[in-house]
Protein backbone atom coordinates (compact mmCIF):
# COMPACT_ATOMS: atom_id res chain seq x y z
CA UNK A 1 40.49 48.46 174.64
CA UNK A 2 41.00 50.84 171.78
CA UNK A 3 43.97 52.81 173.12
CA UNK A 4 47.60 51.85 172.81
CA UNK A 5 49.05 50.02 175.81
CA UNK A 6 52.41 48.70 176.89
CA UNK A 7 52.75 45.00 177.70
CA UNK A 8 55.53 43.13 179.46
CA UNK A 9 55.00 39.41 178.88
CA UNK A 10 56.78 36.92 181.17
CA UNK A 11 57.11 33.36 179.87
CA UNK A 12 56.71 30.09 181.71
CA UNK A 13 59.08 27.23 182.47
CA UNK A 14 61.04 25.71 179.56
CA UNK A 15 60.21 28.80 177.46
CA UNK A 16 62.06 32.01 176.65
CA UNK A 17 60.89 35.45 175.59
CA UNK A 18 61.09 34.74 171.85
CA UNK A 19 58.30 32.16 172.12
CA UNK A 20 55.79 34.96 172.76
CA UNK A 21 56.04 36.04 169.12
CA UNK A 22 52.71 34.53 167.92
CA UNK A 23 50.96 36.75 170.48
CA UNK A 24 53.42 39.65 170.65
CA UNK A 25 53.25 40.10 166.89
CA UNK A 26 49.46 40.32 166.97
CA UNK A 27 49.52 42.83 169.84
CA UNK A 28 52.05 44.99 167.99
CA UNK A 29 49.96 44.83 164.84
CA UNK A 30 47.05 46.17 166.90
CA UNK A 31 49.19 49.17 167.87
CA UNK A 32 50.50 48.13 171.27
CA UNK A 33 54.06 48.21 172.60
CA UNK A 34 55.22 44.76 173.67
CA UNK A 35 58.28 43.66 175.67
CA UNK A 36 59.14 39.95 175.92
CA UNK A 37 62.25 39.70 178.11
CA UNK A 38 63.75 36.30 178.88
CA UNK A 39 64.06 35.38 182.55
CA UNK A 40 67.67 34.65 183.54
CA UNK A 41 68.47 30.95 183.24
CA UNK A 42 66.10 30.36 180.32
CA UNK A 43 66.79 29.65 176.67
CA UNK A 44 68.84 26.97 174.96
CA UNK A 45 72.23 28.62 175.43
CA UNK A 46 71.67 30.32 178.78
CA UNK A 47 73.67 29.40 181.90
CA UNK A 48 71.35 27.36 184.10
CA UNK A 49 73.06 27.91 187.46
CA UNK A 50 70.78 30.74 188.57
CA UNK A 51 68.49 31.41 191.49
CA UNK A 52 64.85 32.45 191.43
CA UNK A 53 65.88 35.82 192.89
CA UNK A 54 68.30 36.30 190.00
CA UNK A 55 65.48 35.52 187.60
CA UNK A 56 63.33 38.19 189.22
CA UNK A 57 66.19 40.70 189.19
CA UNK A 58 66.73 40.13 185.47
CA UNK A 59 63.18 41.30 184.79
CA UNK A 60 63.28 44.21 187.24
CA UNK A 61 66.56 45.34 185.67
CA UNK A 62 65.03 45.13 182.21
CA UNK A 63 62.05 47.25 183.27
CA UNK A 64 64.21 49.90 184.94
CA UNK A 65 66.90 50.02 182.25
CA UNK A 66 64.26 50.41 179.52
CA UNK A 67 62.24 52.87 181.64
CA UNK A 68 59.04 50.87 181.16
CA UNK A 69 56.15 52.48 183.04
CA UNK A 70 52.36 52.25 183.14
CA UNK A 71 52.51 48.74 181.74
CA UNK A 72 50.46 45.55 181.84
CA UNK A 73 52.55 42.80 183.43
CA UNK A 74 51.45 39.32 182.40
CA UNK A 75 52.93 36.06 183.65
CA UNK A 76 52.20 32.65 182.15
CA UNK A 77 52.47 29.52 184.31
CA UNK A 78 55.81 29.66 186.23
CA UNK A 79 55.90 33.33 185.18
CA UNK A 80 53.29 34.00 187.86
CA UNK A 81 55.97 33.56 190.51
CA UNK A 82 58.18 36.06 188.70
CA UNK A 83 55.54 38.77 188.32
CA UNK A 84 54.50 38.38 191.96
CA UNK A 85 58.03 39.26 193.07
CA UNK A 86 58.51 41.94 190.40
CA UNK A 87 55.32 43.61 191.62
CA UNK A 88 56.81 43.85 195.11
CA UNK A 89 59.72 45.89 193.76
CA UNK A 90 58.14 48.19 191.18
CA UNK A 91 54.38 48.38 191.97
CA UNK A 92 54.20 52.04 190.98
CA UNK A 93 55.14 51.20 187.39
CA UNK A 94 52.46 48.53 186.88
CA UNK A 95 49.04 49.29 185.38
CA UNK A 96 47.65 45.79 185.95
CA UNK A 97 48.91 42.31 186.81
CA UNK A 98 47.62 39.38 184.74
CA UNK A 99 48.13 35.75 185.74
CA UNK A 100 47.55 33.43 182.75
CA UNK A 101 47.08 29.89 184.06
CA UNK A 102 49.84 30.96 186.40
CA UNK A 103 51.01 30.06 189.87
CA UNK A 104 49.83 32.33 192.68
CA UNK A 105 51.74 30.65 195.47
CA UNK A 106 50.79 30.64 199.12
CA UNK A 107 53.26 32.71 201.10
CA UNK A 108 56.34 30.57 201.82
CA UNK A 109 55.64 27.91 199.21
CA UNK A 110 57.48 26.82 196.07
CA UNK A 111 56.03 25.64 192.76
CA UNK A 112 56.92 22.08 193.72
CA UNK A 113 55.00 22.48 196.99
CA UNK A 114 51.86 23.16 194.98
CA UNK A 115 52.34 20.62 192.17
CA UNK A 116 51.15 16.99 192.00
CA UNK A 117 53.46 14.36 193.48
CA UNK A 118 53.86 12.83 190.01
CA UNK A 119 55.61 15.98 188.78
CA UNK A 120 57.90 16.17 191.78
CA UNK A 121 58.86 12.50 191.42
CA UNK A 122 59.51 12.91 187.70
CA UNK A 123 61.71 15.95 188.26
CA UNK A 124 63.75 14.25 190.94
CA UNK A 125 64.20 11.11 188.85
CA UNK A 126 65.20 12.78 185.58
CA UNK A 127 66.98 16.02 186.48
CA UNK A 128 70.41 16.56 184.95
CA UNK A 129 72.95 19.01 186.40
CA UNK A 130 70.25 20.81 188.35
CA UNK A 131 67.85 21.14 185.40
CA UNK A 132 64.67 19.36 184.35
CA UNK A 133 63.41 18.88 180.80
CA UNK A 134 59.71 18.22 180.32
CA UNK A 135 59.24 14.85 178.56
CA UNK A 136 57.52 15.09 175.19
CA UNK A 137 54.66 12.66 176.07
CA UNK A 138 53.70 14.87 179.03
CA UNK A 139 53.92 17.99 176.85
CA UNK A 140 51.75 16.35 174.18
CA UNK A 141 49.01 15.00 176.44
CA UNK A 142 48.79 17.56 179.25
CA UNK A 143 50.20 20.86 177.93
CA UNK A 144 49.22 21.09 174.25
CA UNK A 145 46.61 18.40 173.68
CA UNK A 146 44.57 20.72 171.42
CA UNK A 147 47.31 20.96 168.76
CA UNK A 148 48.25 18.71 165.88
CA UNK A 149 51.11 16.27 166.35
CA UNK A 150 53.22 18.41 164.01
CA UNK A 151 52.63 21.60 166.03
CA UNK A 152 53.21 19.75 169.29
CA UNK A 153 56.61 18.55 167.99
CA UNK A 154 57.70 21.87 166.49
CA UNK A 155 56.79 23.82 169.62
CA UNK A 156 58.48 21.27 171.89
CA UNK A 157 61.68 21.58 169.88
CA UNK A 158 61.84 25.25 170.87
CA UNK A 159 61.87 24.49 174.61
CA UNK A 160 64.93 24.13 176.84
CA UNK A 161 65.75 22.63 180.22
CA UNK A 162 64.44 24.45 183.29
CA UNK A 163 66.67 25.28 186.28
CA UNK A 164 65.37 23.27 189.23
CA UNK A 165 65.93 26.26 191.50
CA UNK A 166 63.03 28.03 189.80
CA UNK A 167 60.68 25.24 190.85
CA UNK A 168 62.09 24.48 194.31
CA UNK A 169 62.56 27.95 195.84
CA UNK A 170 60.12 28.83 198.60
CA UNK A 171 59.04 32.45 198.14
CA UNK A 172 58.37 35.12 200.74
CA UNK A 173 55.33 36.85 199.25
CA UNK A 174 54.41 38.95 202.27
CA UNK A 175 54.75 42.24 200.39
CA UNK A 176 52.84 40.89 197.36
CA UNK A 177 49.84 39.93 199.46
CA UNK A 178 49.98 43.27 201.29
CA UNK A 179 49.77 45.08 197.95
CA UNK A 180 46.92 42.87 196.75
CA UNK A 181 45.05 43.19 200.03
CA UNK A 182 45.34 46.98 199.99
CA UNK A 183 44.03 47.20 196.44
CA UNK A 184 47.29 48.81 195.31
CA UNK A 185 47.37 46.66 192.17
CA UNK A 186 44.63 45.81 189.70
CA UNK A 187 44.70 42.09 188.99
CA UNK A 188 43.24 39.69 186.41
CA UNK A 189 43.31 35.91 186.11
CA UNK A 190 43.09 34.38 182.62
CA UNK A 191 42.05 30.74 182.69
CA UNK A 192 42.12 28.31 179.75
CA UNK A 193 39.38 25.85 180.63
CA UNK A 194 41.03 22.93 178.83
CA UNK A 195 44.37 23.40 180.60
CA UNK A 196 45.35 20.09 182.19
CA UNK A 197 49.01 20.92 182.89
CA UNK A 198 47.70 21.12 186.44
CA UNK A 199 45.22 18.22 186.50
CA UNK A 200 41.57 19.16 186.91
CA UNK A 201 40.30 18.63 190.43
CA UNK A 202 42.19 19.67 193.55
CA UNK A 203 45.21 20.86 191.53
CA UNK A 204 43.29 22.86 188.91
CA UNK A 205 44.55 26.37 188.15
CA UNK A 206 41.14 27.92 188.74
CA UNK A 207 39.78 28.51 191.33
CA UNK A 208 42.77 27.31 193.36
CA UNK A 209 45.14 30.12 192.37
CA UNK A 210 42.70 32.78 191.22
CA UNK A 211 40.91 32.73 194.58
CA UNK A 212 44.08 33.97 196.30
CA UNK A 213 43.97 37.27 194.44
CA UNK A 214 41.05 38.83 196.30
CA UNK A 215 39.09 41.21 194.10
CA UNK A 216 40.14 40.42 190.52
CA UNK A 217 38.86 40.12 186.97
CA UNK A 218 38.37 36.54 185.81
CA UNK A 219 38.53 35.89 182.06
CA UNK A 220 38.07 32.38 180.68
CA UNK A 221 38.71 30.86 177.27
CA UNK A 222 38.82 27.48 175.60
CA UNK A 223 42.20 25.87 175.06
CA UNK A 224 45.18 24.10 176.55
CA UNK A 225 48.06 25.39 178.63
CA UNK A 226 49.92 26.29 175.42
CA UNK A 227 47.21 28.24 173.62
CA UNK A 228 49.99 30.68 172.67
CA UNK A 229 50.98 28.04 170.11
CA UNK A 230 47.69 26.26 169.40
CA UNK A 231 45.38 29.29 169.13
CA UNK A 232 47.35 32.56 169.42
CA UNK A 233 44.54 34.61 167.87
CA UNK A 234 42.08 33.63 170.60
CA UNK A 235 44.75 34.01 173.29
CA UNK A 236 45.56 37.53 172.10
CA UNK A 237 41.89 38.53 172.18
CA UNK A 238 41.50 37.20 175.71
CA UNK A 239 44.71 38.86 176.91
CA UNK A 240 43.33 42.18 175.72
CA UNK A 241 40.08 41.45 177.54
CA UNK A 242 41.99 40.65 180.72
CA UNK A 243 44.11 43.80 180.43
CA UNK A 244 41.64 46.48 179.37
CA UNK A 245 40.68 49.20 181.83
């Protein structure tokens, strides 16, 4: 991939667009254009009373208002549910979809429907005003276990509470699967092999979610769920591999 490309990077739960900087900065240095919008309801000072549909609309509006076309749309983790719905609305603008250890939900399901019972129980027991904050021990051991304690702490301090609606909404993905089935969108799945945010076994990211994409490019790399913090150089290289023509 030697040409200049345009990326739209969609963050995961508890994150916001600014947290892409370790990767976005490297992509820009390589000559690419990079957009890192924040999904509505995310960020420390953002209103949290939002719906999943409003989150999707915030990204579609960003794309249209900034006239972003012929771009690579990448979603990390929860961001997979956002890019699936964005693709339904603006497929003609998208060069390729990339799911990075991201949810590819079955039609009609929510993230909670496809998460371990432990996560659902934890969310229900600790939610505050319709939001859920990931506990640090879970972040440390399951999301960023390949980082130092110092990096785990500093990255965690940048997170913010997640609106429960983003995790509980059941999504109609009929149009998404029609587009995928018709080959109207090129698709990649980027899998970090050490990612235990979804426990290995029946809940593993790959091949559970990647297998739902039909014909797709599979790219694998070492690392945890939060390789954007723990090894951004490797993550950037693998994103480019997943996105190249």
